[in-house]
């Protein structure tokens, strides 16, 4: 049987927002213990959370050298002759084919950047129609009206 501490860590890893909050030091341990599906005394789970938080690397925002740009008039395409800006799972988006907006961040970006960008857009209540990441580039497709706010939100992620 696994220990309470092991079960608590496993439950935290299943909820990345709590993992990040523990790293940032912004958790009410008792409240977090109540939300976790861990068999055991609530205070013991809270203590396990405190100890786990002490072992985690400190959360530190770092400024990135990413460049953010916006591409207008994106739409889904099916013709192989189109030069798509983004293709995910057989769905391609190309310029001049619709009314969506593409947000492209290039440079010092990685998978953690994608997570932060999507979180920032979620917090701004901006729906993401499609997203892709490869070779130092994040590409997102949002609604036309959300384009300017999405650019600002993505730029803010890389300015932290």
N, C-alpha and C. Protein backbone atom coordinates (compact mmCIF):
# COMPACT_ATOMS: atom_id res chain seq x y z
N UNK A 1 0.85 -1.19 0.00
CA UNK A 1 0.00 0.00 0.00
C UNK A 1 0.89 1.25 0.00
N UNK A 2 0.50 2.23 -0.79
CA UNK A 2 1.30 3.45 -0.88
C UNK A 2 1.02 4.36 0.32
N UNK A 3 1.99 5.20 0.62
CA UNK A 3 1.85 6.11 1.75
C UNK A 3 0.91 7.26 1.42
N UNK A 4 0.43 7.93 2.47
CA UNK A 4 -0.42 9.10 2.29
C UNK A 4 0.32 10.17 1.49
N UNK A 5 1.60 10.36 1.78
CA UNK A 5 2.39 11.35 1.06
C UNK A 5 2.46 11.01 -0.43
N UNK A 6 2.66 9.75 -0.76
CA UNK A 6 2.72 9.33 -2.17
C UNK A 6 1.38 9.53 -2.86
N UNK A 7 0.30 9.17 -2.18
CA UNK A 7 -1.03 9.35 -2.77
C UNK A 7 -1.34 10.84 -2.96
N UNK A 8 -0.90 11.67 -2.03
CA UNK A 8 -1.12 13.11 -2.13
C UNK A 8 -0.35 13.68 -3.31
N UNK A 9 0.89 13.30 -3.47
CA UNK A 9 1.70 13.78 -4.61
C UNK A 9 1.10 13.35 -5.93
N UNK A 10 0.62 12.12 -5.98
CA UNK A 10 -0.01 11.62 -7.21
C UNK A 10 -1.26 12.43 -7.53
N UNK A 11 -2.05 12.74 -6.52
CA UNK A 11 -3.28 13.53 -6.72
C UNK A 11 -2.93 14.94 -7.20
N UNK A 12 -1.86 15.51 -6.68
CA UNK A 12 -1.43 16.85 -7.11
C UNK A 12 -0.97 16.81 -8.56
N UNK A 13 -0.20 15.83 -8.93
CA UNK A 13 0.28 15.73 -10.31
C UNK A 13 -0.86 15.55 -11.30
N UNK A 14 -1.99 15.04 -10.84
CA UNK A 14 -3.16 14.89 -11.72
C UNK A 14 -3.89 16.22 -11.91
N UNK A 15 -3.51 17.23 -11.14
CA UNK A 15 -4.14 18.56 -11.24
C UNK A 15 -3.03 19.61 -11.38
N UNK A 16 -2.56 19.83 -12.61
CA UNK A 16 -1.43 20.74 -12.83
C UNK A 16 -1.60 22.13 -12.23
N UNK A 17 -2.82 22.66 -12.16
CA UNK A 17 -3.01 23.98 -11.57
C UNK A 17 -2.60 23.97 -10.11
N UNK A 18 -2.85 22.88 -9.39
CA UNK A 18 -2.47 22.80 -7.98
C UNK A 18 -0.96 22.66 -7.85
N UNK A 19 -0.36 21.90 -8.73
CA UNK A 19 1.10 21.77 -8.74
C UNK A 19 1.75 23.14 -8.91
N UNK A 20 1.26 23.92 -9.88
CA UNK A 20 1.80 25.26 -10.11
C UNK A 20 1.57 26.16 -8.91
N UNK A 21 0.39 26.07 -8.31
CA UNK A 21 0.09 26.89 -7.13
C UNK A 21 0.99 26.52 -5.96
N UNK A 22 1.27 25.25 -5.79
CA UNK A 22 2.20 24.83 -4.73
C UNK A 22 3.58 25.43 -4.97
N UNK A 23 4.03 25.36 -6.21
CA UNK A 23 5.34 25.94 -6.55
C UNK A 23 5.37 27.43 -6.30
N UNK A 24 4.25 28.11 -6.57
CA UNK A 24 4.18 29.56 -6.41
C UNK A 24 3.96 29.97 -4.96
N UNK A 25 3.62 29.01 -4.10
CA UNK A 25 3.41 29.32 -2.69
C UNK A 25 2.11 30.04 -2.41
N UNK A 26 1.07 29.78 -3.20
CA UNK A 26 -0.19 30.49 -3.04
C UNK A 26 -1.35 29.55 -2.73
N UNK A 27 -1.08 28.52 -1.94
CA UNK A 27 -2.09 27.51 -1.66
C UNK A 27 -2.54 27.58 -0.20
N UNK A 28 -3.84 27.48 0.00
CA UNK A 28 -4.41 27.24 1.31
C UNK A 28 -4.41 25.71 1.43
N UNK A 29 -3.50 25.17 2.22
CA UNK A 29 -3.29 23.72 2.26
C UNK A 29 -4.53 22.97 2.73
N UNK A 30 -5.25 23.50 3.70
CA UNK A 30 -6.45 22.82 4.19
C UNK A 30 -7.52 22.77 3.10
N UNK A 31 -7.72 23.89 2.41
CA UNK A 31 -8.70 23.92 1.33
C UNK A 31 -8.29 22.98 0.21
N UNK A 32 -7.01 22.96 -0.14
CA UNK A 32 -6.53 22.06 -1.19
C UNK A 32 -6.72 20.61 -0.78
N UNK A 33 -6.46 20.30 0.48
CA UNK A 33 -6.63 18.93 0.97
C UNK A 33 -8.08 18.47 0.82
N UNK A 34 -9.02 19.38 1.02
CA UNK A 34 -10.44 19.02 0.88
C UNK A 34 -10.81 18.72 -0.57
N UNK A 35 -10.10 19.32 -1.52
CA UNK A 35 -10.43 19.11 -2.93
C UNK A 35 -9.81 17.86 -3.52
N UNK A 36 -8.79 17.33 -2.87
CA UNK A 36 -8.10 16.16 -3.40
C UNK A 36 -8.83 14.88 -3.02
N UNK A 37 -8.84 13.93 -3.93
CA UNK A 37 -9.45 12.63 -3.68
C UNK A 37 -8.39 11.70 -3.10
N UNK A 38 -8.04 11.97 -1.83
CA UNK A 38 -7.02 11.17 -1.14
C UNK A 38 -7.65 10.65 0.15
N UNK A 39 -7.64 9.33 0.31
CA UNK A 39 -8.16 8.76 1.56
C UNK A 39 -7.20 9.07 2.69
N UNK A 40 -7.73 9.69 3.72
CA UNK A 40 -6.90 10.03 4.88
C UNK A 40 -7.44 11.27 5.57
N UNK A 41 -6.93 11.50 6.73
CA UNK A 41 -7.31 12.66 7.52
C UNK A 41 -6.95 13.94 6.78
N UNK A 42 -7.88 14.89 6.76
CA UNK A 42 -7.67 16.15 6.03
C UNK A 42 -6.41 16.87 6.49
N UNK A 43 -6.18 16.93 7.78
CA UNK A 43 -4.98 17.61 8.29
C UNK A 43 -3.70 16.89 7.87
N UNK A 44 -3.76 15.57 7.81
CA UNK A 44 -2.59 14.80 7.38
C UNK A 44 -2.30 15.06 5.90
N UNK A 45 -3.36 15.17 5.09
CA UNK A 45 -3.19 15.48 3.67
C UNK A 45 -2.63 16.89 3.52
N UNK A 46 -3.14 17.85 4.33
CA UNK A 46 -2.63 19.22 4.29
C UNK A 46 -1.15 19.25 4.66
N UNK A 47 -0.76 18.47 5.64
CA UNK A 47 0.65 18.39 6.04
C UNK A 47 1.49 17.80 4.90
N UNK A 48 0.96 16.77 4.23
CA UNK A 48 1.67 16.17 3.10
C UNK A 48 1.83 17.20 1.98
N UNK A 49 0.82 18.03 1.77
CA UNK A 49 0.91 19.09 0.76
C UNK A 49 1.99 20.10 1.12
N UNK A 50 2.03 20.52 2.38
CA UNK A 50 3.06 21.47 2.83
C UNK A 50 4.46 20.91 2.58
N UNK A 51 4.65 19.68 2.94
CA UNK A 51 5.98 19.05 2.78
C UNK A 51 6.34 18.91 1.30
N UNK A 52 5.36 18.55 0.50
CA UNK A 52 5.60 18.43 -0.94
C UNK A 52 5.97 19.78 -1.52
N UNK A 53 5.26 20.83 -1.12
CA UNK A 53 5.53 22.19 -1.61
C UNK A 53 6.96 22.61 -1.28
N UNK A 54 7.44 22.25 -0.11
CA UNK A 54 8.81 22.61 0.30
C UNK A 54 9.86 21.96 -0.59
N UNK A 55 9.54 20.82 -1.19
CA UNK A 55 10.49 20.09 -2.02
C UNK A 55 10.48 20.55 -3.48
N UNK A 56 9.41 21.22 -3.89
CA UNK A 56 9.28 21.61 -5.29
C UNK A 56 10.18 22.79 -5.61
N UNK A 57 10.65 22.87 -6.86
CA UNK A 57 11.43 24.05 -7.25
C UNK A 57 10.55 25.29 -7.21
N UNK A 58 11.12 26.39 -6.79
CA UNK A 58 10.37 27.64 -6.68
C UNK A 58 9.88 28.08 -8.06
N UNK A 59 8.66 28.58 -8.10
CA UNK A 59 8.09 29.09 -9.34
C UNK A 59 8.73 30.44 -9.63
N UNK A 60 9.31 30.57 -10.80
CA UNK A 60 9.93 31.84 -11.18
C UNK A 60 9.55 32.16 -12.61
N UNK A 61 8.87 33.27 -12.79
CA UNK A 61 8.54 33.72 -14.14
C UNK A 61 9.81 34.25 -14.79
N UNK A 62 9.99 33.92 -16.05
CA UNK A 62 11.17 34.39 -16.77
C UNK A 62 10.73 35.09 -18.04
N UNK A 63 11.42 36.17 -18.36
CA UNK A 63 11.11 36.89 -19.59
C UNK A 63 11.66 36.10 -20.77
N UNK A 64 10.90 36.07 -21.82
CA UNK A 64 11.26 35.29 -22.99
C UNK A 64 11.60 36.22 -24.15
N UNK A 65 12.33 35.69 -25.09
CA UNK A 65 12.65 36.45 -26.29
C UNK A 65 11.70 36.17 -27.42
N UNK A 66 10.46 35.79 -27.11
CA UNK A 66 9.50 35.44 -28.14
C UNK A 66 8.96 36.69 -28.84
N UNK A 67 8.65 36.53 -30.10
CA UNK A 67 8.03 37.59 -30.90
C UNK A 67 6.62 37.13 -31.23
N UNK A 68 5.63 38.01 -31.03
CA UNK A 68 4.23 37.65 -31.25
C UNK A 68 3.68 38.46 -32.41
N UNK A 69 3.01 37.78 -33.33
CA UNK A 69 2.40 38.47 -34.47
C UNK A 69 0.98 37.93 -34.69
N UNK A 70 0.23 38.65 -35.53
CA UNK A 70 -1.15 38.29 -35.80
C UNK A 70 -1.33 38.15 -37.31
N UNK A 71 -2.06 37.12 -37.71
CA UNK A 71 -2.39 36.88 -39.12
C UNK A 71 -3.91 36.92 -39.27
N UNK A 72 -4.40 37.78 -40.12
CA UNK A 72 -5.84 37.94 -40.32
C UNK A 72 -6.37 37.05 -41.42
N UNK A 73 -7.68 36.90 -41.44
CA UNK A 73 -8.41 36.21 -42.50
C UNK A 73 -8.02 34.75 -42.67
N UNK A 74 -7.89 34.03 -41.55
CA UNK A 74 -7.61 32.59 -41.63
C UNK A 74 -8.92 31.82 -41.74
N UNK A 75 -8.84 30.71 -42.42
CA UNK A 75 -9.99 29.82 -42.51
C UNK A 75 -9.53 28.41 -42.80
N UNK A 76 -10.44 27.48 -42.60
CA UNK A 76 -10.13 26.08 -42.88
C UNK A 76 -10.04 25.86 -44.38
N UNK A 77 -9.06 25.06 -44.77
CA UNK A 77 -8.89 24.74 -46.19
C UNK A 77 -8.74 23.23 -46.34
N UNK A 78 -9.09 22.74 -47.51
CA UNK A 78 -8.92 21.31 -47.79
C UNK A 78 -8.08 21.07 -49.03
N UNK A 79 -7.87 22.11 -49.83
CA UNK A 79 -7.12 21.98 -51.07
C UNK A 79 -5.63 21.84 -50.77
N UNK A 80 -4.99 20.84 -51.33
CA UNK A 80 -3.56 20.63 -51.13
C UNK A 80 -2.72 21.77 -51.70
N UNK A 81 -3.29 22.59 -52.56
CA UNK A 81 -2.56 23.69 -53.16
C UNK A 81 -2.39 24.88 -52.22
N UNK A 82 -3.17 24.92 -51.15
CA UNK A 82 -3.07 26.02 -50.19
C UNK A 82 -1.79 25.89 -49.37
N UNK A 83 -1.29 27.01 -48.89
CA UNK A 83 -0.12 27.03 -48.02
C UNK A 83 -0.61 27.31 -46.60
N UNK A 84 -0.94 26.28 -45.82
CA UNK A 84 -1.54 26.51 -44.52
C UNK A 84 -0.57 27.10 -43.50
N UNK A 85 -1.10 27.95 -42.63
CA UNK A 85 -0.36 28.49 -41.51
C UNK A 85 -0.28 27.45 -40.40
N UNK A 86 -1.34 26.63 -40.28
CA UNK A 86 -1.42 25.63 -39.22
C UNK A 86 -2.18 24.42 -39.74
N UNK A 87 -1.66 23.24 -39.45
CA UNK A 87 -2.37 22.00 -39.75
C UNK A 87 -2.31 21.12 -38.51
N UNK A 88 -3.48 20.71 -38.04
CA UNK A 88 -3.56 19.84 -36.87
C UNK A 88 -4.57 18.74 -37.16
N UNK A 89 -4.13 17.50 -37.07
CA UNK A 89 -5.04 16.37 -37.26
C UNK A 89 -5.79 16.39 -38.57
N UNK A 90 -5.16 16.83 -39.63
CA UNK A 90 -5.81 16.86 -40.94
C UNK A 90 -6.65 18.10 -41.20
N UNK A 91 -6.77 18.99 -40.22
CA UNK A 91 -7.50 20.24 -40.41
C UNK A 91 -6.45 21.34 -40.61
N UNK A 92 -6.57 22.06 -41.72
CA UNK A 92 -5.59 23.09 -42.05
C UNK A 92 -6.25 24.46 -42.07
N UNK A 93 -5.48 25.48 -41.68
CA UNK A 93 -5.92 26.88 -41.70
C UNK A 93 -4.93 27.67 -42.55
N UNK A 94 -5.48 28.41 -43.52
CA UNK A 94 -4.64 29.19 -44.42
C UNK A 94 -5.14 30.63 -44.46
N UNK A 95 -4.23 31.54 -44.83
CA UNK A 95 -4.57 32.96 -44.98
C UNK A 95 -5.51 33.16 -46.16
N UNK A 96 -6.40 34.14 -46.00
CA UNK A 96 -7.30 34.49 -47.08
C UNK A 96 -8.48 33.56 -47.25
N UNK A 97 -8.62 32.59 -46.36
CA UNK A 97 -9.67 31.59 -46.54
C UNK A 97 -10.85 31.76 -45.59
N UNK A 98 -10.81 32.76 -44.72
CA UNK A 98 -11.91 32.92 -43.77
C UNK A 98 -11.78 34.17 -42.94
N UNK A 99 -12.42 34.16 -41.78
CA UNK A 99 -12.43 35.36 -40.95
C UNK A 99 -11.77 35.17 -39.59
N UNK A 100 -11.15 34.04 -39.34
CA UNK A 100 -10.47 33.79 -38.06
C UNK A 100 -9.14 34.54 -38.03
N UNK A 101 -8.56 34.61 -36.84
CA UNK A 101 -7.28 35.28 -36.65
C UNK A 101 -6.26 34.28 -36.13
N UNK A 102 -5.06 34.33 -36.69
CA UNK A 102 -3.96 33.49 -36.23
C UNK A 102 -3.03 34.29 -35.35
N UNK A 103 -2.60 33.70 -34.25
CA UNK A 103 -1.62 34.30 -33.36
C UNK A 103 -0.39 33.41 -33.44
N UNK A 104 0.76 34.00 -33.76
CA UNK A 104 1.99 33.23 -33.92
C UNK A 104 3.05 33.80 -32.98
N UNK A 105 3.59 32.95 -32.11
CA UNK A 105 4.69 33.33 -31.23
C UNK A 105 5.90 32.51 -31.65
N UNK A 106 7.00 33.19 -31.94
CA UNK A 106 8.21 32.50 -32.39
C UNK A 106 9.39 32.90 -31.51
N UNK A 107 10.37 32.04 -31.49
CA UNK A 107 11.59 32.33 -30.73
C UNK A 107 11.75 31.38 -29.56
N UNK A 108 11.93 31.96 -28.40
CA UNK A 108 12.19 31.19 -27.18
C UNK A 108 10.89 30.69 -26.58
N UNK A 109 10.27 29.71 -27.26
CA UNK A 109 9.02 29.12 -26.79
C UNK A 109 9.20 27.62 -26.66
N UNK A 110 8.48 27.04 -25.72
CA UNK A 110 8.55 25.60 -25.49
C UNK A 110 7.18 25.11 -25.04
N UNK A 111 7.09 23.85 -24.67
CA UNK A 111 5.81 23.28 -24.27
C UNK A 111 5.23 24.00 -23.05
N UNK A 112 6.07 24.41 -22.12
CA UNK A 112 5.58 25.16 -20.95
C UNK A 112 4.99 26.50 -21.39
N UNK A 113 5.54 27.09 -22.44
CA UNK A 113 4.98 28.33 -22.99
C UNK A 113 3.58 28.11 -23.52
N UNK A 114 3.37 26.98 -24.19
CA UNK A 114 2.05 26.65 -24.71
C UNK A 114 1.04 26.58 -23.56
N UNK A 115 1.44 25.93 -22.49
CA UNK A 115 0.57 25.80 -21.33
C UNK A 115 0.22 27.17 -20.75
N UNK A 116 1.20 28.03 -20.62
CA UNK A 116 0.95 29.38 -20.07
C UNK A 116 0.08 30.20 -21.02
N UNK A 117 0.33 30.11 -22.32
CA UNK A 117 -0.46 30.86 -23.31
C UNK A 117 -1.92 30.40 -23.28
N UNK A 118 -2.15 29.10 -23.30
CA UNK A 118 -3.52 28.60 -23.28
C UNK A 118 -4.22 28.99 -21.97
N UNK A 119 -3.49 28.97 -20.87
CA UNK A 119 -4.06 29.39 -19.59
C UNK A 119 -4.44 30.86 -19.59
N UNK A 120 -3.58 31.68 -20.18
CA UNK A 120 -3.87 33.12 -20.25
C UNK A 120 -5.10 33.38 -21.11
N UNK A 121 -5.21 32.68 -22.23
CA UNK A 121 -6.37 32.86 -23.10
C UNK A 121 -7.65 32.35 -22.42
N UNK A 122 -7.53 31.26 -21.69
CA UNK A 122 -8.69 30.76 -20.94
C UNK A 122 -9.13 31.78 -19.90
N UNK A 123 -8.17 32.38 -19.20
CA UNK A 123 -8.49 33.39 -18.19
C UNK A 123 -9.15 34.62 -18.81
N UNK A 124 -8.79 34.94 -20.04
CA UNK A 124 -9.40 36.07 -20.76
C UNK A 124 -10.70 35.68 -21.47
N UNK A 125 -11.08 34.40 -21.31
CA UNK A 125 -12.29 33.86 -21.94
C UNK A 125 -12.26 33.99 -23.46
N UNK A 126 -11.07 33.72 -24.01
CA UNK A 126 -10.89 33.73 -25.47
C UNK A 126 -10.85 32.27 -25.93
N UNK A 127 -11.81 31.89 -26.75
CA UNK A 127 -11.88 30.52 -27.25
C UNK A 127 -10.80 30.30 -28.30
N UNK A 128 -10.10 29.18 -28.18
CA UNK A 128 -9.08 28.80 -29.14
C UNK A 128 -9.66 27.72 -30.04
N UNK A 129 -9.70 28.01 -31.33
CA UNK A 129 -10.27 27.07 -32.31
C UNK A 129 -9.27 25.97 -32.66
N UNK A 130 -7.99 26.32 -32.71
CA UNK A 130 -6.94 25.35 -33.03
C UNK A 130 -5.62 25.87 -32.47
N UNK A 131 -4.72 24.94 -32.17
CA UNK A 131 -3.41 25.32 -31.64
C UNK A 131 -2.38 24.28 -32.03
N UNK A 132 -1.16 24.75 -32.26
CA UNK A 132 -0.07 23.85 -32.59
C UNK A 132 1.25 24.40 -32.09
N UNK A 133 2.20 23.51 -31.83
CA UNK A 133 3.51 23.90 -31.33
C UNK A 133 4.57 23.01 -31.95
N UNK A 134 5.62 23.62 -32.50
CA UNK A 134 6.76 22.87 -33.03
C UNK A 134 7.90 23.83 -33.32
N UNK A 135 9.11 23.36 -33.12
CA UNK A 135 10.32 24.07 -33.53
C UNK A 135 10.33 25.55 -33.15
N UNK A 136 10.04 25.85 -31.90
CA UNK A 136 10.11 27.23 -31.43
C UNK A 136 9.00 28.13 -31.91
N UNK A 137 7.87 27.55 -32.30
CA UNK A 137 6.73 28.34 -32.77
C UNK A 137 5.44 27.81 -32.16
N UNK A 138 4.63 28.74 -31.66
CA UNK A 138 3.27 28.42 -31.21
C UNK A 138 2.34 29.13 -32.19
N UNK A 139 1.37 28.40 -32.73
CA UNK A 139 0.37 28.99 -33.61
C UNK A 139 -1.01 28.67 -33.06
N UNK A 140 -1.83 29.71 -32.96
CA UNK A 140 -3.19 29.57 -32.43
C UNK A 140 -4.17 30.18 -33.41
N UNK A 141 -5.38 29.67 -33.43
CA UNK A 141 -6.45 30.24 -34.24
C UNK A 141 -7.57 30.63 -33.29
N UNK A 142 -7.97 31.91 -33.35
CA UNK A 142 -9.06 32.43 -32.52
C UNK A 142 -10.04 33.16 -33.43
N UNK A 143 -11.17 33.53 -32.87
CA UNK A 143 -12.16 34.29 -33.63
C UNK A 143 -11.61 35.66 -34.00
N UNK A 144 -12.12 36.21 -35.09
CA UNK A 144 -11.64 37.50 -35.60
C UNK A 144 -11.70 38.59 -34.53
N UNK A 145 -12.82 38.70 -33.85
CA UNK A 145 -12.98 39.75 -32.84
C UNK A 145 -12.08 39.56 -31.62
N UNK A 146 -11.64 38.33 -31.39
CA UNK A 146 -10.76 38.06 -30.24
C UNK A 146 -9.29 38.29 -30.56
N UNK A 147 -8.96 38.51 -31.83
CA UNK A 147 -7.57 38.64 -32.25
C UNK A 147 -6.75 39.64 -31.46
N UNK A 148 -7.16 40.91 -31.38
CA UNK A 148 -6.35 41.90 -30.66
C UNK A 148 -6.16 41.57 -29.18
N UNK A 149 -7.22 41.10 -28.52
CA UNK A 149 -7.09 40.73 -27.11
C UNK A 149 -6.21 39.50 -26.93
N UNK A 150 -6.29 38.58 -27.88
CA UNK A 150 -5.45 37.38 -27.83
C UNK A 150 -3.97 37.76 -27.98
N UNK A 151 -3.67 38.67 -28.88
CA UNK A 151 -2.28 39.12 -29.06
C UNK A 151 -1.77 39.73 -27.75
N UNK A 152 -2.56 40.59 -27.14
CA UNK A 152 -2.14 41.21 -25.88
C UNK A 152 -1.92 40.17 -24.78
N UNK A 153 -2.81 39.19 -24.70
CA UNK A 153 -2.68 38.15 -23.69
C UNK A 153 -1.42 37.30 -23.91
N UNK A 154 -1.17 36.96 -25.16
CA UNK A 154 0.02 36.16 -25.47
C UNK A 154 1.29 36.97 -25.23
N UNK A 155 1.30 38.23 -25.64
CA UNK A 155 2.47 39.09 -25.37
C UNK A 155 2.72 39.19 -23.88
N UNK A 156 1.67 39.31 -23.09
CA UNK A 156 1.84 39.41 -21.63
C UNK A 156 2.49 38.16 -21.05
N UNK A 157 2.17 37.00 -21.59
CA UNK A 157 2.79 35.76 -21.13
C UNK A 157 4.31 35.82 -21.29
N UNK A 158 4.75 36.34 -22.42
CA UNK A 158 6.19 36.36 -22.71
C UNK A 158 6.91 37.54 -22.09
N UNK A 159 6.18 38.49 -21.52
CA UNK A 159 6.79 39.63 -20.85
C UNK A 159 6.99 39.40 -19.36
N UNK A 160 6.46 38.29 -18.84
CA UNK A 160 6.56 38.01 -17.39
C UNK A 160 7.92 37.54 -17.03
